[in-house]
Amino acid sequence: MSAESDLITQAERLLADSLGRGWAVRRVDEPVREPGILQPDAILMVTAPDGSKALQMVEARQRAFPRDVSSWLRALRPVPSDSSYLLVSQFLSPRARALLEQADVNYIDVTGNILFRIERPSVFVRRQGAKKDPAPPDESARSLRGAKAARVVRALCDYREPATSRSVAARADVTPGYVSKIIGLLERDALVEREGKGPAKPITRVLWADLIRRWSADYRLLESNAARLFLAPQGVPAFLGDLAGWALRTPGGRYAVTGSFAAAERAPVAPPSLLVCYVDAPIGVAEKTGLVRATSAGNVYLCEPLDPVVFERTWTQGETVYATLSQVVADCLTGPDRMPAEGDALLEWMAANEESWRLHA
């Protein structure tokens, strides 16, 4: 039995188990003869308890990276009303699954990730399997974890296209070789697009919103940065005034507000209550601005950043300095309480106002 045939058999069993008693799933040998339809690797017939049937045109891929999924989806053609496409693979990443769902294509991977929807007979199955590949490929760049990756992501999001690996490396202050590895990962995940041939081909499109969400899978606001919780006895607005005053009178004093208070300046969801702020030395800044160390009932997080990139490309509103929006939204998406919802709202604002925050070269 070929690897693809074995993959289809596993998917067939997973689907049958998910549908439950009264349903049947079997492989059909009759070829597809309609013009223009991609020839499937197999056809599955799904039969409901009432005898109604639907066909699944199966594409089997041992590995289906988002880049491969995007290419395959572009090649799809309409199928008869009683048929739909089904992609099966060893593992499908969250990004690959999202692309398939957006295209209304069913999927099954052998770790148990399943999305199966058909109108007639009516059925909807969604199951969660592995979130990470249990047998990842042997590649030099597999994640966006760490300071250098953060700088590359920020450079890709903060500046408009086109770009090259060298220009991204200069903006991120990392080596071009490292950028090439990250770009390779992002291209595989269908988060950046390049045109031309050779290693120097320019980056022509960055799907920055999806890239920030992908970054947030490997980054956590209060874990990736050294965060300490404090109480501002006079309230957050008074603390922000004290913080601005401290920065003005302190040589080298710098800070950048992120999280809820920053997001609310562009896409308010509700009045913010928890302040998150980047500083170089949280204990020293707390002493200079009157903060009191807290264990639970605090209202200010001071974070010593994973990397100084958080202080780059900041913006000012009134007397307060805020982190750039790409940083703010990543922090919100991975922060506590209602911050993820604030991150979603900010992403919507950023998409509608891209010219106001993405920089030209």
Protein backbone atom coordinates (compact mmCIF):
# COMPACT_ATOMS: atom_id res chain seq x y z
CA MET A 1 0.00 0.00 0.00
CA SER A 2 1.40 3.43 -0.96
CA ALA A 3 1.89 6.13 1.63
CA GLU A 4 -0.91 8.23 0.08
CA SER A 5 -3.29 5.25 0.02
CA ASP A 6 -2.53 4.51 3.66
CA LEU A 7 -3.16 8.17 4.48
CA ILE A 8 -6.55 8.04 2.79
CA THR A 9 -7.45 4.86 4.67
CA GLN A 10 -6.62 6.52 8.00
CA ALA A 11 -8.69 9.56 7.06
CA GLU A 12 -11.57 7.32 6.01
CA ARG A 13 -11.56 5.64 9.43
CA LEU A 14 -11.33 8.94 11.31
CA LEU A 15 -14.25 10.35 9.37
CA ALA A 16 -16.38 7.23 9.91
CA ASP A 17 -15.66 7.31 13.65
CA SER A 18 -16.57 11.01 13.81
CA LEU A 19 -19.87 10.58 11.96
CA GLY A 20 -20.97 7.78 14.26
CA ARG A 21 -23.59 5.01 13.99
CA GLY A 22 -25.80 4.89 10.95
CA TRP A 23 -23.32 6.65 8.69
CA ALA A 24 -21.07 4.89 6.19
CA VAL A 25 -17.86 6.00 4.48
CA ARG A 26 -16.38 3.94 1.66
CA ARG A 27 -13.95 4.45 -1.18
CA VAL A 28 -15.38 4.60 -4.72
CA ASP A 29 -13.32 3.40 -7.67
CA GLU A 30 -15.27 5.12 -10.46
CA PRO A 31 -13.16 7.95 -11.98
CA VAL A 32 -14.38 11.52 -12.25
CA ARG A 33 -15.23 12.37 -15.84
CA GLU A 34 -16.54 15.93 -15.61
CA PRO A 35 -14.38 18.32 -17.65
CA GLY A 36 -12.14 20.74 -15.78
CA ILE A 37 -12.24 18.94 -12.42
CA LEU A 38 -8.90 18.05 -10.86
CA GLN A 39 -8.45 14.30 -10.84
CA PRO A 40 -8.61 13.25 -7.17
CA ASP A 41 -6.37 10.73 -5.46
CA ALA A 42 -9.51 8.96 -4.29
CA ILE A 43 -13.27 9.44 -3.98
CA LEU A 44 -15.10 8.80 -0.74
CA MET A 45 -18.83 8.22 -0.67
CA VAL A 46 -20.53 9.36 2.53
CA THR A 47 -23.93 7.79 3.16
CA ALA A 48 -26.32 9.13 5.80
CA PRO A 49 -28.74 6.97 7.86
CA ASP A 50 -31.59 8.01 5.53
CA GLY A 51 -29.66 6.75 2.49
CA SER A 52 -28.72 10.15 1.04
CA LYS A 53 -25.18 10.33 -0.32
CA ALA A 54 -22.39 12.80 -1.02
CA LEU A 55 -19.01 12.43 -2.68
CA GLN A 56 -15.65 13.72 -1.42
CA MET A 57 -12.89 14.38 -3.97
CA VAL A 58 -9.80 13.50 -1.94
CA GLU A 59 -6.38 15.08 -2.30
CA ALA A 60 -3.73 13.25 -0.23
CA ARG A 61 -0.55 15.06 0.82
CA GLN A 62 2.01 13.63 3.21
CA ARG A 63 2.97 17.22 4.00
CA ALA A 64 0.72 20.15 3.23
CA PHE A 65 2.33 23.41 4.23
CA PRO A 66 0.18 26.55 3.91
CA ARG A 67 2.10 27.52 0.75
CA ASP A 68 1.17 24.16 -0.80
CA VAL A 69 -2.42 24.50 0.35
CA SER A 70 -2.71 27.97 -1.23
CA SER A 71 -1.32 26.68 -4.52
CA TRP A 72 -3.70 23.71 -4.52
CA LEU A 73 -6.71 25.88 -3.68
CA ARG A 74 -5.96 28.20 -6.60
CA ALA A 75 -6.12 25.22 -8.96
CA LEU A 76 -9.52 23.97 -7.77
CA ARG A 77 -12.51 24.06 -10.08
CA PRO A 78 -16.24 23.76 -9.27
CA VAL A 79 -17.56 20.26 -8.64
CA PRO A 80 -21.12 18.85 -8.93
CA SER A 81 -23.59 19.84 -6.21
CA ASP A 82 -23.37 16.43 -4.54
CA SER A 83 -19.56 16.64 -4.28
CA SER A 84 -16.90 18.62 -2.45
CA TYR A 85 -13.14 18.57 -1.96
CA LEU A 86 -11.37 16.96 0.99
CA LEU A 87 -7.67 17.40 1.78
CA VAL A 88 -6.03 14.74 3.94
CA SER A 89 -2.53 14.95 5.39
CA GLN A 90 -0.32 13.78 8.20
CA PHE A 91 -0.61 17.18 9.88
CA LEU A 92 -2.19 20.51 9.00
CA SER A 93 -0.99 23.62 10.80
CA PRO A 94 -3.49 26.17 12.16
CA ARG A 95 -2.63 28.44 9.23
CA ALA A 96 -3.23 25.66 6.68
CA ARG A 97 -6.54 24.78 8.34
CA ALA A 98 -7.63 28.42 8.30
CA LEU A 99 -6.91 28.70 4.56
CA LEU A 100 -8.95 25.56 3.87
CA GLU A 101 -11.86 26.72 6.01
CA GLN A 102 -11.92 30.12 4.29
CA ALA A 103 -12.12 28.30 0.94
CA ASP A 104 -14.94 26.01 2.19
CA VAL A 105 -12.77 22.92 1.73
CA ASN A 106 -12.97 20.00 4.14
CA TYR A 107 -9.86 18.56 5.77
CA ILE A 108 -8.65 15.66 7.92
CA ASP A 109 -5.21 15.09 9.35
CA VAL A 110 -4.18 11.92 11.12
CA THR A 111 -3.54 13.73 14.42
CA GLY A 112 -7.31 14.28 14.61
CA ASN A 113 -7.83 17.78 13.18
CA ILE A 114 -11.08 17.49 11.23
CA LEU A 115 -13.42 19.92 9.53
CA PHE A 116 -16.15 18.18 7.55
CA ARG A 117 -19.18 20.09 6.25
CA ILE A 118 -21.73 19.08 3.63
CA GLU A 119 -25.20 20.45 2.98
CA ARG A 120 -26.91 17.28 1.74
CA PRO A 121 -26.96 15.08 3.72
CA SER A 122 -26.59 17.77 6.37
CA VAL A 123 -23.54 17.26 8.58
CA PHE A 124 -21.00 19.37 10.40
CA VAL A 125 -18.00 17.88 12.19
CA ARG A 126 -15.16 19.83 13.78
CA ARG A 127 -12.54 18.10 15.92
CA GLN A 128 -9.30 19.33 17.43
CA GLY A 129 -6.13 17.28 17.05
CA ALA A 130 -2.52 18.29 17.51
CA LYS A 131 -1.66 22.00 17.50
CA LYS A 132 1.95 21.37 16.53
CA ASP A 133 3.47 18.94 14.07
CA PRO A 134 4.46 15.79 16.01
CA ALA A 135 7.13 15.06 13.38
CA PRO A 136 8.32 18.46 12.11
CA PRO A 137 10.63 18.67 9.10
CA ASP A 138 14.32 19.10 9.76
CA GLU A 139 14.56 22.80 9.01
CA SER A 140 16.72 25.49 10.59
CA ALA A 141 13.80 27.83 11.32
CA ARG A 142 10.64 26.34 12.79
CA SER A 143 9.25 29.08 15.01
CA LEU A 144 9.14 32.84 15.61
CA ARG A 145 10.29 32.52 19.20
CA GLY A 146 13.02 34.82 20.48
CA ALA A 147 14.36 38.35 20.16
CA LYS A 148 15.77 38.14 16.64
CA ALA A 149 12.55 36.70 15.25
CA ALA A 150 10.60 39.51 16.95
CA ARG A 151 12.77 42.10 15.22
CA VAL A 152 12.24 40.47 11.82
CA VAL A 153 8.48 40.24 12.30
CA ARG A 154 8.32 43.87 13.38
CA ALA A 155 10.36 44.99 10.36
CA LEU A 156 8.12 43.06 7.97
CA CYS A 157 4.93 44.45 9.50
CA ASP A 158 6.00 48.03 10.22
CA TYR A 159 7.28 48.79 6.69
CA ARG A 160 5.38 48.60 3.45
CA GLU A 161 6.42 46.39 0.57
CA PRO A 162 8.46 45.81 -1.50
CA ALA A 163 11.44 44.68 0.55
CA THR A 164 14.43 42.38 0.28
CA SER A 165 16.11 40.14 2.81
CA ARG A 166 18.92 42.69 3.04
CA SER A 167 16.62 45.64 3.69
CA VAL A 168 14.70 43.65 6.32
CA ALA A 169 18.01 42.62 7.90
CA ALA A 170 19.14 46.25 8.07
CA ARG A 171 15.87 47.37 9.67
CA ALA A 172 15.89 44.46 12.14
CA ASP A 173 19.65 44.64 12.85
CA VAL A 174 20.18 40.93 12.20
CA THR A 175 22.18 39.08 9.57
CA PRO A 176 20.73 38.59 6.06
CA GLY A 177 21.28 34.86 6.47
CA TYR A 178 19.01 34.74 9.50
CA VAL A 179 16.35 36.79 7.69
CA SER A 180 16.48 34.37 4.76
CA LYS A 181 15.73 31.47 7.10
CA ILE A 182 12.78 33.30 8.64
CA ILE A 183 11.50 34.39 5.24
CA GLY A 184 11.69 30.78 4.09
CA LEU A 185 9.54 29.74 7.04
CA LEU A 186 7.04 32.52 6.41
CA GLU A 187 6.89 31.82 2.69
CA ARG A 188 6.18 28.16 3.43
CA ASP A 189 3.40 29.28 5.77
CA ALA A 190 1.93 31.56 3.06
CA LEU A 191 2.54 34.68 5.15
CA VAL A 192 4.85 36.43 2.69
CA GLU A 193 5.00 36.33 -1.08
CA ARG A 194 8.01 36.85 -3.31
CA GLU A 195 8.42 37.29 -7.05
CA GLY A 196 11.25 36.55 -9.40
CA LYS A 197 14.02 33.98 -9.15
CA GLY A 198 17.08 33.46 -6.99
CA PRO A 199 17.80 34.24 -3.33
CA ALA A 200 17.51 38.02 -3.84
CA LYS A 201 13.94 38.00 -5.18
CA PRO A 202 11.96 40.78 -3.50
CA ILE A 203 9.18 40.38 -0.97
CA THR A 204 6.12 41.76 -2.73
CA ARG A 205 3.44 41.05 -0.14
CA VAL A 206 3.33 40.59 3.62
CA LEU A 207 0.09 39.30 5.11
CA TRP A 208 0.88 41.29 8.22
CA ALA A 209 -2.32 40.56 10.18
CA ASP A 210 -1.90 36.80 9.74
CA LEU A 211 1.83 37.17 10.45
CA ILE A 212 1.13 38.90 13.78
CA ARG A 213 -1.30 36.12 14.71
CA ARG A 214 1.33 33.55 13.75
CA TRP A 215 3.91 35.39 15.87
CA SER A 216 1.53 35.34 18.82
CA ALA A 217 1.62 31.53 18.75
CA ASP A 218 5.30 31.66 19.80
CA TYR A 219 5.22 34.82 21.92
CA ARG A 220 3.48 35.75 25.18
CA LEU A 221 3.33 39.27 26.57
CA LEU A 222 3.77 38.42 30.26
CA GLU A 223 6.01 35.38 29.71
CA SER A 224 8.36 36.38 26.91
CA ASN A 225 9.06 39.65 28.73
CA ALA A 226 10.07 39.96 32.40
CA ALA A 227 6.81 41.33 33.81
CA ARG A 228 6.24 42.67 37.33
CA LEU A 229 2.86 43.71 38.74
CA PHE A 230 2.48 46.97 40.66
CA LEU A 231 -0.24 49.14 42.11
CA ALA A 232 -0.52 52.83 41.21
CA PRO A 233 -2.07 54.21 44.42
CA GLN A 234 -3.30 57.41 42.74
CA GLY A 235 -4.61 55.62 39.67
CA VAL A 236 -3.24 54.93 36.21
CA PRO A 237 -3.73 58.46 34.74
CA ALA A 238 -1.68 59.96 37.57
CA PHE A 239 1.00 57.32 37.08
CA LEU A 240 1.21 58.09 33.35
CA GLY A 241 1.87 61.72 34.20
CA ASP A 242 4.58 60.73 36.67
CA LEU A 243 6.06 58.36 34.08
CA ALA A 244 6.24 61.08 31.43
CA GLY A 245 7.88 63.41 33.93
CA TRP A 246 10.42 60.75 34.92
CA ALA A 247 11.36 60.17 31.27
CA LEU A 248 11.88 63.89 30.64
CA ARG A 249 14.22 64.42 33.58
CA THR A 250 16.11 61.11 33.31
CA PRO A 251 18.97 60.83 30.78
CA GLY A 252 18.29 57.73 28.68
CA GLY A 253 14.92 57.24 30.35
CA ARG A 254 12.54 55.57 27.95
CA TYR A 255 9.26 53.73 28.07
CA ALA A 256 6.51 52.50 25.73
CA VAL A 257 2.92 51.88 26.77
CA THR A 258 1.34 48.83 25.16
CA GLY A 259 -1.73 46.63 25.68
CA SER A 260 -5.19 47.96 26.52
CA PHE A 261 -4.31 51.62 27.03
CA ALA A 262 -2.47 51.78 23.70
CA ALA A 263 -5.18 49.87 21.80
CA ALA A 264 -7.88 52.16 23.22
CA GLU A 265 -6.23 55.16 21.55
CA ARG A 266 -7.08 53.69 18.14
CA ALA A 267 -9.84 51.09 18.60
CA PRO A 268 -11.54 51.45 22.00
CA VAL A 269 -13.58 48.46 23.17
CA ALA A 270 -14.16 49.43 26.81
CA PRO A 271 -12.46 51.81 29.25
CA PRO A 272 -9.03 50.24 29.96
CA SER A 273 -8.05 49.47 33.53
CA LEU A 274 -4.80 47.46 33.36
CA LEU A 275 -1.74 49.33 32.12
CA VAL A 276 1.17 47.47 30.53
CA CYS A 277 4.35 49.42 29.94
CA TYR A 278 7.83 48.56 28.71
CA VAL A 279 10.77 50.01 30.65
CA ASP A 280 14.43 49.04 30.94
CA ALA A 281 14.53 48.66 34.73
CA PRO A 282 11.08 48.01 36.26
CA ILE A 283 12.13 48.15 39.92
CA GLY A 284 13.96 51.46 39.50
CA VAL A 285 11.14 53.04 37.50
CA ALA A 286 8.60 51.87 40.08
CA GLU A 287 10.57 53.54 42.87
CA LYS A 288 10.86 56.79 40.93
CA THR A 289 7.16 56.96 40.02
CA GLY A 290 5.55 55.88 43.29
CA LEU A 291 4.36 52.41 42.33
CA VAL A 292 3.84 49.78 45.02
CA ARG A 293 4.69 46.13 44.39
CA ALA A 294 1.51 44.01 44.14
CA THR A 295 0.80 40.29 44.12
CA SER A 296 -2.77 40.22 42.79
CA ALA A 297 -4.73 43.48 42.98
CA GLY A 298 -2.39 45.53 40.81
CA ASN A 299 -3.18 47.87 37.93
CA VAL A 300 0.23 48.34 36.29
CA TYR A 301 2.55 45.79 34.68
CA LEU A 302 6.08 47.03 34.07
CA CYS A 303 7.85 44.78 31.58
CA GLU A 304 11.56 44.55 30.93
CA PRO A 305 11.38 43.71 27.22
CA LEU A 306 12.59 40.64 25.43
CA ASP A 307 14.33 43.00 23.02
CA PRO A 308 14.76 46.79 22.72
CA VAL A 309 12.78 46.71 19.45
CA VAL A 310 9.73 47.58 21.58
CA PHE A 311 11.16 51.12 21.88
CA GLU A 312 11.51 51.55 18.11
CA ARG A 313 8.98 53.37 15.93
CA THR A 314 6.94 54.52 18.93
CA TRP A 315 4.29 57.26 18.71
CA THR A 316 3.07 59.91 21.13
CA GLN A 317 -0.45 60.95 22.11
CA GLY A 318 -0.56 63.86 24.52
CA GLU A 319 2.35 63.30 26.91
CA THR A 320 2.33 59.51 26.63
CA VAL A 321 4.63 57.39 24.46
CA TYR A 322 3.09 54.25 22.97
CA ALA A 323 4.61 51.17 21.35
CA THR A 324 4.08 50.79 17.62
CA LEU A 325 0.78 49.18 16.67
CA SER A 326 2.23 45.88 15.45
CA GLN A 327 3.75 45.40 18.90
CA VAL A 328 0.59 46.54 20.67
CA VAL A 329 -1.66 44.10 18.81
CA ALA A 330 0.69 41.16 19.43
CA ASP A 331 0.74 42.06 23.13
CA CYS A 332 -3.04 42.34 23.28
CA LEU A 333 -3.60 39.03 21.49
CA THR A 334 -1.42 37.26 24.08
CA GLY A 335 -2.37 39.30 27.13
CA PRO A 336 -4.77 38.63 30.03
CA ASP A 337 -8.45 39.43 30.61
CA ARG A 338 -10.18 41.12 27.68
CA MET A 339 -6.95 42.06 25.89
CA PRO A 340 -7.35 39.47 23.08
CA ALA A 341 -10.70 41.05 22.13
CA GLU A 342 -9.01 44.46 22.14
CA GLY A 343 -6.33 43.01 19.89
CA ASP A 344 -8.96 41.80 17.42
CA ALA A 345 -10.55 45.26 17.36
CA LEU A 346 -7.19 46.92 16.84
CA LEU A 347 -6.39 44.56 13.93
CA GLU A 348 -9.61 45.64 12.25
CA TRP A 349 -8.66 49.30 12.69
CA MET A 350 -5.16 48.68 11.35
CA ALA A 351 -6.53 46.93 8.25
CA ALA A 352 -8.81 49.90 7.54
CA ASN A 353 -6.06 52.48 8.21
CA GLU A 354 -2.93 50.83 6.86
CA GLU A 355 -1.54 54.04 5.38
CA SER A 356 -1.53 55.69 8.79
CA TRP A 357 0.82 53.23 10.52
CA ARG A 358 2.85 51.21 7.99
CA LEU A 359 5.96 53.10 6.97
CA HIS A 360 7.34 53.62 3.50
CA ALA A 361 10.96 52.69 2.91
